PDB file of all heavy atoms in Angstrom:
ATOM      1  N   ASP A   1       0.839  -1.212   0.000  1.00  0.00           N
ATOM      2  CA  ASP A   1       0.000   0.000   0.000  1.00  0.00           C
ATOM      3  C   ASP A   1       0.866   1.251   0.000  1.00  0.00           C
ATOM      4  O   ASP A   1       0.551   2.243  -0.679  1.00  0.00           O
ATOM      5  CB  ASP A   1      -0.911   0.022   1.231  1.00  0.00           C
ATOM      6  CG  ASP A   1      -1.976  -1.056   1.201  1.00  0.00           C
ATOM      7  OD1 ASP A   1      -2.361  -1.478   0.093  1.00  0.00           O
ATOM      8  OD2 ASP A   1      -2.409  -1.484   2.289  1.00  0.00           O
ATOM      9  N   PHE A   2       1.957   1.213   0.761  1.00  0.00           N
ATOM     10  CA  PHE A   2       2.845   2.381   0.816  1.00  0.00           C
ATOM     11  C   PHE A   2       3.497   2.628  -0.535  1.00  0.00           C
ATOM     12  O   PHE A   2       3.539   3.770  -1.009  1.00  0.00           O
ATOM     13  CB  PHE A   2       3.910   2.192   1.892  1.00  0.00           C
ATOM     14  CG  PHE A   2       4.875   3.346   1.990  1.00  0.00           C
ATOM     15  CD1 PHE A   2       4.500   4.536   2.597  1.00  0.00           C
ATOM     16  CD2 PHE A   2       6.147   3.256   1.440  1.00  0.00           C
ATOM     17  CE1 PHE A   2       5.370   5.615   2.675  1.00  0.00           C
ATOM     18  CE2 PHE A   2       7.034   4.328   1.505  1.00  0.00           C
ATOM     19  CZ  PHE A   2       6.645   5.502   2.129  1.00  0.00           C
ATOM     20  N   ARG A   3       3.995   1.561  -1.157  1.00  0.00           N
ATOM     21  CA  ARG A   3       4.625   1.736  -2.473  1.00  0.00           C
ATOM     22  C   ARG A   3       3.613   2.257  -3.492  1.00  0.00           C
ATOM     23  O   ARG A   3       3.960   3.073  -4.363  1.00  0.00           O
ATOM     24  CB  ARG A   3       5.238   0.407  -2.926  1.00  0.00           C
ATOM     25  CG  ARG A   3       6.484   0.012  -2.141  1.00  0.00           C
ATOM     26  CD  ARG A   3       7.197  -1.160  -2.781  1.00  0.00           C
ATOM     27  NE  ARG A   3       6.481  -2.405  -2.582  1.00  0.00           N
ATOM     28  CZ  ARG A   3       6.652  -3.242  -1.562  1.00  0.00           C
ATOM     29  NH1 ARG A   3       7.534  -2.936  -0.610  1.00  0.00           N
ATOM     30  NH2 ARG A   3       5.966  -4.359  -1.472  1.00  0.00           N
ATOM     31  N   HIS A   4       2.386   1.804  -3.393  1.00  0.00           N
ATOM     32  CA  HIS A   4       1.336   2.290  -4.301  1.00  0.00           C
ATOM     33  C   HIS A   4       1.090   3.778  -4.075  1.00  0.00           C
ATOM     34  O   HIS A   4       0.931   4.556  -5.040  1.00  0.00           O
ATOM     35  CB  HIS A   4       0.053   1.496  -4.072  1.00  0.00           C
ATOM     36  CG  HIS A   4      -1.015   1.751  -5.099  1.00  0.00           C
ATOM     37  ND1 HIS A   4      -1.949   2.766  -4.970  1.00  0.00           N
ATOM     38  CD2 HIS A   4      -1.279   1.148  -6.285  1.00  0.00           C
ATOM     39  CE1 HIS A   4      -2.751   2.766  -6.019  1.00  0.00           C
ATOM     40  NE2 HIS A   4      -2.378   1.787  -6.841  1.00  0.00           N
ATOM     41  N   LEU A   5       1.091   4.190  -2.806  1.00  0.00           N
ATOM     42  CA  LEU A   5       0.903   5.608  -2.485  1.00  0.00           C
ATOM     43  C   LEU A   5       2.044   6.447  -3.052  1.00  0.00           C
ATOM     44  O   LEU A   5       1.810   7.532  -3.614  1.00  0.00           O
ATOM     45  CB  LEU A   5       0.815   5.786  -0.977  1.00  0.00           C
ATOM     46  CG  LEU A   5       0.853   7.229  -0.437  1.00  0.00           C
ATOM     47  CD1 LEU A   5      -0.273   8.066  -1.015  1.00  0.00           C
ATOM     48  CD2 LEU A   5       0.791   7.231   1.088  1.00  0.00           C
ATOM     49  N   VAL A   6       3.269   5.980  -2.902  1.00  0.00           N
ATOM     50  CA  VAL A   6       4.422   6.718  -3.438  1.00  0.00           C
ATOM     51  C   VAL A   6       4.262   6.904  -4.942  1.00  0.00           C
ATOM     52  O   VAL A   6       4.504   8.000  -5.480  1.00  0.00           O
ATOM     53  CB  VAL A   6       5.734   5.981  -3.106  1.00  0.00           C
ATOM     54  CG1 VAL A   6       6.902   6.615  -3.858  1.00  0.00           C
ATOM     55  CG2 VAL A   6       6.000   6.009  -1.604  1.00  0.00           C
ATOM     56  N   ALA A   7       3.847   5.839  -5.626  1.00  0.00           N
ATOM     57  CA  ALA A   7       3.671   5.925  -7.080  1.00  0.00           C
ATOM     58  C   ALA A   7       2.541   6.878  -7.452  1.00  0.00           C
ATOM     59  O   ALA A   7       2.666   7.685  -8.388  1.00  0.00           O
ATOM     60  CB  ALA A   7       3.412   4.532  -7.648  1.00  0.00           C
ATOM     61  N   GLU A   8       1.423   6.798  -6.737  1.00  0.00           N
ATOM     62  CA  GLU A   8       0.297   7.677  -7.028  1.00  0.00           C
ATOM     63  C   GLU A   8       0.653   9.137  -6.745  1.00  0.00           C
ATOM     64  O   GLU A   8       0.250  10.044  -7.486  1.00  0.00           O
ATOM     65  CB  GLU A   8      -0.917   7.263  -6.199  1.00  0.00           C
ATOM     66  CG  GLU A   8      -1.578   5.984  -6.673  1.00  0.00           C
ATOM     67  CD  GLU A   8      -2.071   6.098  -8.111  1.00  0.00           C
ATOM     68  OE1 GLU A   8      -2.860   7.020  -8.404  1.00  0.00           O
ATOM     69  OE2 GLU A   8      -1.652   5.270  -8.940  1.00  0.00           O
ATOM     70  N   ALA A   9       1.396   9.371  -5.671  1.00  0.00           N
ATOM     71  CA  ALA A   9       1.824  10.741  -5.370  1.00  0.00           C
ATOM     72  C   ALA A   9       2.660  11.291  -6.521  1.00  0.00           C
ATOM     73  O   ALA A   9       2.508  12.465  -6.913  1.00  0.00           O
ATOM     74  CB  ALA A   9       2.615  10.760  -4.068  1.00  0.00           C
ATOM     75  N   GLY A  10       3.551  10.460  -7.055  1.00  0.00           N
ATOM     76  CA  GLY A  10       4.369  10.903  -8.179  1.00  0.00           C
ATOM     77  C   GLY A  10       3.532  11.322  -9.376  1.00  0.00           C
ATOM     78  O   GLY A  10       3.877  12.283 -10.077  1.00  0.00           O
ATOM     79  N   LYS A  11       2.429  10.631  -9.606  1.00  0.00           N
ATOM     80  CA  LYS A  11       1.554  10.989 -10.719  1.00  0.00           C
ATOM     81  C   LYS A  11       0.905  12.355 -10.490  1.00  0.00           C
ATOM     82  O   LYS A  11       0.470  13.002 -11.448  1.00  0.00           O
ATOM     83  CB  LYS A  11       0.470   9.924 -10.885  1.00  0.00           C
ATOM     84  CG  LYS A  11       0.998   8.561 -11.305  1.00  0.00           C
ATOM     85  CD  LYS A  11      -0.129   7.536 -11.367  1.00  0.00           C
ATOM     86  CE  LYS A  11       0.392   6.150 -11.694  1.00  0.00           C
ATOM     87  NZ  LYS A  11      -0.691   5.134 -11.696  1.00  0.00           N
ATOM     88  N   HIS A  12       0.825  12.779  -9.239  1.00  0.00           N
ATOM     89  CA  HIS A  12       0.246  14.085  -8.902  1.00  0.00           C
ATOM     90  C   HIS A  12       1.327  15.138  -8.662  1.00  0.00           C
ATOM     91  O   HIS A  12       1.050  16.199  -8.084  1.00  0.00           O
ATOM     92  CB  HIS A  12      -0.641  13.964  -7.665  1.00  0.00           C
ATOM     93  CG  HIS A  12      -1.936  13.237  -7.911  1.00  0.00           C
ATOM     94  ND1 HIS A  12      -2.023  11.863  -7.947  1.00  0.00           N
ATOM     95  CD2 HIS A  12      -3.195  13.699  -8.151  1.00  0.00           C
ATOM     96  CE1 HIS A  12      -3.275  11.509  -8.190  1.00  0.00           C
ATOM     97  NE2 HIS A  12      -4.007  12.596  -8.317  1.00  0.00           N
ATOM     98  N   GLY A  13       2.550  14.851  -9.084  1.00  0.00           N
ATOM     99  CA  GLY A  13       3.630  15.825  -8.939  1.00  0.00           C
ATOM    100  C   GLY A  13       4.114  15.988  -7.518  1.00  0.00           C
ATOM    101  O   GLY A  13       4.693  17.028  -7.182  1.00  0.00           O
ATOM    102  N   LEU A  14       3.915  14.968  -6.694  1.00  0.00           N
ATOM    103  CA  LEU A  14       4.277  15.042  -5.280  1.00  0.00           C
ATOM    104  C   LEU A  14       5.324  13.991  -4.939  1.00  0.00           C
ATOM    105  O   LEU A  14       5.223  12.836  -5.354  1.00  0.00           O
ATOM    106  CB  LEU A  14       3.045  14.805  -4.399  1.00  0.00           C
ATOM    107  CG  LEU A  14       1.992  15.918  -4.379  1.00  0.00           C
ATOM    108  CD1 LEU A  14       0.653  15.364  -3.893  1.00  0.00           C
ATOM    109  CD2 LEU A  14       2.443  17.056  -3.481  1.00  0.00           C
ATOM    110  N   GLU A  15       6.322  14.394  -4.174  1.00  0.00           N
ATOM    111  CA  GLU A  15       7.268  13.453  -3.602  1.00  0.00           C
ATOM    112  C   GLU A  15       6.894  13.225  -2.148  1.00  0.00           C
ATOM    113  O   GLU A  15       6.550  14.165  -1.432  1.00  0.00           O
ATOM    114  CB  GLU A  15       8.696  14.000  -3.662  1.00  0.00           C
ATOM    115  CG  GLU A  15       9.335  13.971  -5.027  1.00  0.00           C
ATOM    116  CD  GLU A  15      10.812  14.335  -4.962  1.00  0.00           C
ATOM    117  OE1 GLU A  15      11.605  13.549  -4.389  1.00  0.00           O
ATOM    118  OE2 GLU A  15      11.166  15.414  -5.483  1.00  0.00           O
ATOM    119  N   ILE A  16       7.002  11.986  -1.710  1.00  0.00           N
ATOM    120  CA  ILE A  16       6.749  11.660  -0.311  1.00  0.00           C
ATOM    121  C   ILE A  16       8.019  11.889   0.492  1.00  0.00           C
ATOM    122  O   ILE A  16       9.084  11.351   0.168  1.00  0.00           O
ATOM    123  CB  ILE A  16       6.281  10.201  -0.151  1.00  0.00           C
ATOM    124  CG1 ILE A  16       4.969   9.977  -0.905  1.00  0.00           C
ATOM    125  CG2 ILE A  16       6.135   9.847   1.324  1.00  0.00           C
ATOM    126  CD1 ILE A  16       3.806  10.791  -0.405  1.00  0.00           C
ATOM    127  N   ALA A  17       7.917  12.695   1.543  1.00  0.00           N
ATOM    128  CA  ALA A  17       9.015  12.881   2.490  1.00  0.00           C
ATOM    129  C   ALA A  17       8.653  12.128   3.761  1.00  0.00           C
ATOM    130  O   ALA A  17       7.544  12.257   4.275  1.00  0.00           O
ATOM    131  CB  ALA A  17       9.239  14.356   2.788  1.00  0.00           C
ATOM    132  N   LEU A  18       9.582  11.336   4.245  1.00  0.00           N
ATOM    133  CA  LEU A  18       9.329  10.502   5.412  1.00  0.00           C
ATOM    134  C   LEU A  18      10.123  11.008   6.603  1.00  0.00           C
ATOM    135  O   LEU A  18      11.277  11.421   6.465  1.00  0.00           O
ATOM    136  CB  LEU A  18       9.721   9.053   5.100  1.00  0.00           C
ATOM    137  CG  LEU A  18       9.152   7.969   6.017  1.00  0.00           C
ATOM    138  CD1 LEU A  18       7.630   7.958   5.970  1.00  0.00           C
ATOM    139  CD2 LEU A  18       9.704   6.603   5.608  1.00  0.00           C
ATOM    140  N   ASP A  19       9.512  10.935   7.765  1.00  0.00           N
ATOM    141  CA  ASP A  19      10.183  11.353   8.994  1.00  0.00           C
ATOM    142  C   ASP A  19      11.159  10.281   9.452  1.00  0.00           C
ATOM    143  O   ASP A  19      10.829   9.098   9.499  1.00  0.00           O
ATOM    144  CB  ASP A  19       9.143  11.600  10.088  1.00  0.00           C
ATOM    145  CG  ASP A  19       9.710  12.364  11.271  1.00  0.00           C
ATOM    146  OD1 ASP A  19      10.508  11.777  12.019  1.00  0.00           O
ATOM    147  OD2 ASP A  19       9.357  13.536  11.431  1.00  0.00           O
ATOM    148  N   ILE A  20      12.374  10.701   9.751  1.00  0.00           N
ATOM    149  CA  ILE A  20      13.368   9.824  10.370  1.00  0.00           C
ATOM    150  C   ILE A  20      13.554  10.293  11.801  1.00  0.00           C
ATOM    151  O   ILE A  20      14.062  11.400  12.038  1.00  0.00           O
ATOM    152  CB  ILE A  20      14.704   9.865   9.609  1.00  0.00           C
ATOM    153  CG1 ILE A  20      14.557   9.201   8.240  1.00  0.00           C
ATOM    154  CG2 ILE A  20      15.806   9.194  10.422  1.00  0.00           C
ATOM    155  CD1 ILE A  20      14.313   7.710   8.291  1.00  0.00           C
ATOM    156  N   ALA A  21      13.093   9.480  12.745  1.00  0.00           N
ATOM    157  CA  ALA A  21      13.218   9.809  14.164  1.00  0.00           C
ATOM    158  C   ALA A  21      13.996   8.671  14.823  1.00  0.00           C
ATOM    159  O   ALA A  21      13.434   7.600  15.079  1.00  0.00           O
ATOM    160  CB  ALA A  21      11.845   9.976  14.801  1.00  0.00           C
ATOM    161  N   PHE A  22      15.260   8.902  15.088  1.00  0.00           N
ATOM    162  CA  PHE A  22      16.100   7.856  15.656  1.00  0.00           C
ATOM    163  C   PHE A  22      15.959   7.842  17.177  1.00  0.00           C
ATOM    164  O   PHE A  22      16.756   8.439  17.913  1.00  0.00           O
ATOM    165  CB  PHE A  22      17.540   8.026  15.210  1.00  0.00           C
ATOM    166  CG  PHE A  22      17.785   7.559  13.794  1.00  0.00           C
ATOM    167  CD1 PHE A  22      18.715   8.189  12.989  1.00  0.00           C
ATOM    168  CD2 PHE A  22      17.083   6.489  13.266  1.00  0.00           C
ATOM    169  CE1 PHE A  22      18.942   7.754  11.694  1.00  0.00           C
ATOM    170  CE2 PHE A  22      17.282   6.049  11.968  1.00  0.00           C
ATOM    171  CZ  PHE A  22      18.218   6.680  11.173  1.00  0.00           C
ATOM    172  N   GLN A  23      14.898   7.153  17.608  1.00  0.00           N
ATOM    173  CA  GLN A  23      14.585   6.964  19.015  1.00  0.00           C
ATOM    174  C   GLN A  23      13.613   5.798  19.083  1.00  0.00           C
ATOM    175  O   GLN A  23      13.076   5.372  18.061  1.00  0.00           O
ATOM    176  CB  GLN A  23      13.954   8.234  19.599  1.00  0.00           C
ATOM    177  CG  GLN A  23      12.684   8.648  18.859  1.00  0.00           C
ATOM    178  CD  GLN A  23      12.362  10.116  19.020  1.00  0.00           C
ATOM    179  OE1 GLN A  23      13.239  10.949  19.169  1.00  0.00           O
ATOM    180  NE2 GLN A  23      11.071  10.448  18.991  1.00  0.00           N
ATOM    181  N   CYS A  24      13.392   5.261  20.268  1.00  0.00           N
ATOM    182  CA  CYS A  24      12.605   4.041  20.391  1.00  0.00           C
ATOM    183  C   CYS A  24      11.578   4.142  21.495  1.00  0.00           C
ATOM    184  O   CYS A  24      11.804   4.791  22.525  1.00  0.00           O
ATOM    185  CB  CYS A  24      13.516   2.850  20.704  1.00  0.00           C
ATOM    186  SG  CYS A  24      14.725   2.478  19.431  1.00  0.00           S
ATOM    187  N   ALA A  25      10.452   3.459  21.293  1.00  0.00           N
ATOM    188  CA  ALA A  25       9.523   3.214  22.386  1.00  0.00           C
ATOM    189  C   ALA A  25      10.118   2.127  23.281  1.00  0.00           C
ATOM    190  O   ALA A  25      10.991   1.363  22.850  1.00  0.00           O
ATOM    191  CB  ALA A  25       8.170   2.776  21.829  1.00  0.00           C
ATOM    192  N   PRO A  26       9.669   2.027  24.523  1.00  0.00           N
ATOM    193  CA  PRO A  26      10.226   1.007  25.415  1.00  0.00           C
ATOM    194  C   PRO A  26      10.102  -0.414  24.889  1.00  0.00           C
ATOM    195  O   PRO A  26      10.933  -1.270  25.222  1.00  0.00           O
ATOM    196  CB  PRO A  26       9.409   1.203  26.703  1.00  0.00           C
ATOM    197  CG  PRO A  26       9.003   2.644  26.678  1.00  0.00           C
ATOM    198  CD  PRO A  26       8.747   2.935  25.227  1.00  0.00           C
ATOM    199  N   ASP A  27       9.087  -0.691  24.059  1.00  0.00           N
ATOM    200  CA  ASP A  27       8.903  -2.051  23.550  1.00  0.00           C
ATOM    201  C   ASP A  27       9.395  -2.221  22.120  1.00  0.00           C
ATOM    202  O   ASP A  27       9.011  -3.174  21.434  1.00  0.00           O
ATOM    203  CB  ASP A  27       7.440  -2.480  23.677  1.00  0.00           C
ATOM    204  CG  ASP A  27       6.427  -1.403  23.321  1.00  0.00           C
ATOM    205  OD1 ASP A  27       6.765  -0.214  23.408  1.00  0.00           O
ATOM    206  OD2 ASP A  27       5.287  -1.745  22.969  1.00  0.00           O
ATOM    207  N   HIS A  28      10.261  -1.318  21.656  1.00  0.00           N
ATOM    208  CA  HIS A  28      10.898  -1.471  20.348  1.00  0.00           C
ATOM    209  C   HIS A  28      11.790  -2.713  20.380  1.00  0.00           C
ATOM    210  O   HIS A  28      12.475  -2.972  21.375  1.00  0.00           O
ATOM    211  CB  HIS A  28      11.737  -0.227  20.035  1.00  0.00           C
ATOM    212  CG  HIS A  28      12.197  -0.122  18.617  1.00  0.00           C
ATOM    213  ND1 HIS A  28      13.063  -1.030  18.028  1.00  0.00           N
ATOM    214  CD2 HIS A  28      11.943   0.814  17.654  1.00  0.00           C
ATOM    215  CE1 HIS A  28      13.308  -0.672  16.787  1.00  0.00           C
ATOM    216  NE2 HIS A  28      12.628   0.450  16.528  1.00  0.00           N
ATOM    217  N   PRO A  29      11.827  -3.508  19.308  1.00  0.00           N
ATOM    218  CA  PRO A  29      12.691  -4.698  19.283  1.00  0.00           C
ATOM    219  C   PRO A  29      14.149  -4.398  19.592  1.00  0.00           C
ATOM    220  O   PRO A  29      14.852  -5.257  20.151  1.00  0.00           O
ATOM    221  CB  PRO A  29      12.516  -5.222  17.854  1.00  0.00           C
ATOM    222  CG  PRO A  29      11.161  -4.754  17.444  1.00  0.00           C
ATOM    223  CD  PRO A  29      10.985  -3.416  18.098  1.00  0.00           C
ATOM    224  N   TYR A  30      14.638  -3.187  19.239  1.00  0.00           N
ATOM    225  CA  TYR A  30      16.044  -2.860  19.507  1.00  0.00           C
ATOM    226  C   TYR A  30      16.373  -2.945  21.005  1.00  0.00           C
ATOM    227  O   TYR A  30      17.497  -3.269  21.380  1.00  0.00           O
ATOM    228  CB  TYR A  30      16.366  -1.441  19.035  1.00  0.00           C
ATOM    229  CG  TYR A  30      16.499  -1.245  17.553  1.00  0.00           C
ATOM    230  CD1 TYR A  30      16.304   0.027  16.987  1.00  0.00           C
ATOM    231  CD2 TYR A  30      16.833  -2.288  16.699  1.00  0.00           C
ATOM    232  CE1 TYR A  30      16.435   0.237  15.625  1.00  0.00           C
ATOM    233  CE2 TYR A  30      16.957  -2.080  15.324  1.00  0.00           C
ATOM    234  CZ  TYR A  30      16.751  -0.821  14.793  1.00  0.00           C
ATOM    235  OH  TYR A  30      16.892  -0.601  13.442  1.00  0.00           O
ATOM    236  N   VAL A  31      15.405  -2.623  21.862  1.00  0.00           N
ATOM    237  CA  VAL A  31      15.686  -2.575  23.300  1.00  0.00           C
ATOM    238  C   VAL A  31      16.067  -3.956  23.816  1.00  0.00           C
ATOM    239  O   VAL A  31      16.980  -4.097  24.651  1.00  0.00           O
ATOM    240  CB  VAL A  31      14.485  -2.002  24.074  1.00  0.00           C
ATOM    241  CG1 VAL A  31      14.784  -1.957  25.563  1.00  0.00           C
ATOM    242  CG2 VAL A  31      14.137  -0.598  23.565  1.00  0.00           C
ATOM    243  N   LYS A  32      15.415  -4.985  23.316  1.00  0.00           N
ATOM    244  CA  LYS A  32      15.764  -6.349  23.715  1.00  0.00           C
ATOM    245  C   LYS A  32      16.963  -6.880  22.945  1.00  0.00           C
ATOM    246  O   LYS A  32      17.831  -7.564  23.501  1.00  0.00           O
ATOM    247  CB  LYS A  32      14.567  -7.276  23.490  1.00  0.00           C
ATOM    248  CG  LYS A  32      13.405  -7.049  24.441  1.00  0.00           C
ATOM    249  CD  LYS A  32      12.298  -8.057  24.189  1.00  0.00           C
ATOM    250  CE  LYS A  32      11.130  -7.857  25.156  1.00  0.00           C
ATOM    251  NZ  LYS A  32      10.034  -8.828  24.900  1.00  0.00           N
TER     252      LYS A  32
END
């Protein structure tokens, strides 16, 4: 679904910008 959205956005002249937040919730797999 995400890849489809990226493609559809491109057809509308839009690029998808994604948030990069390098931090974790307490139950993130990285914590274990």
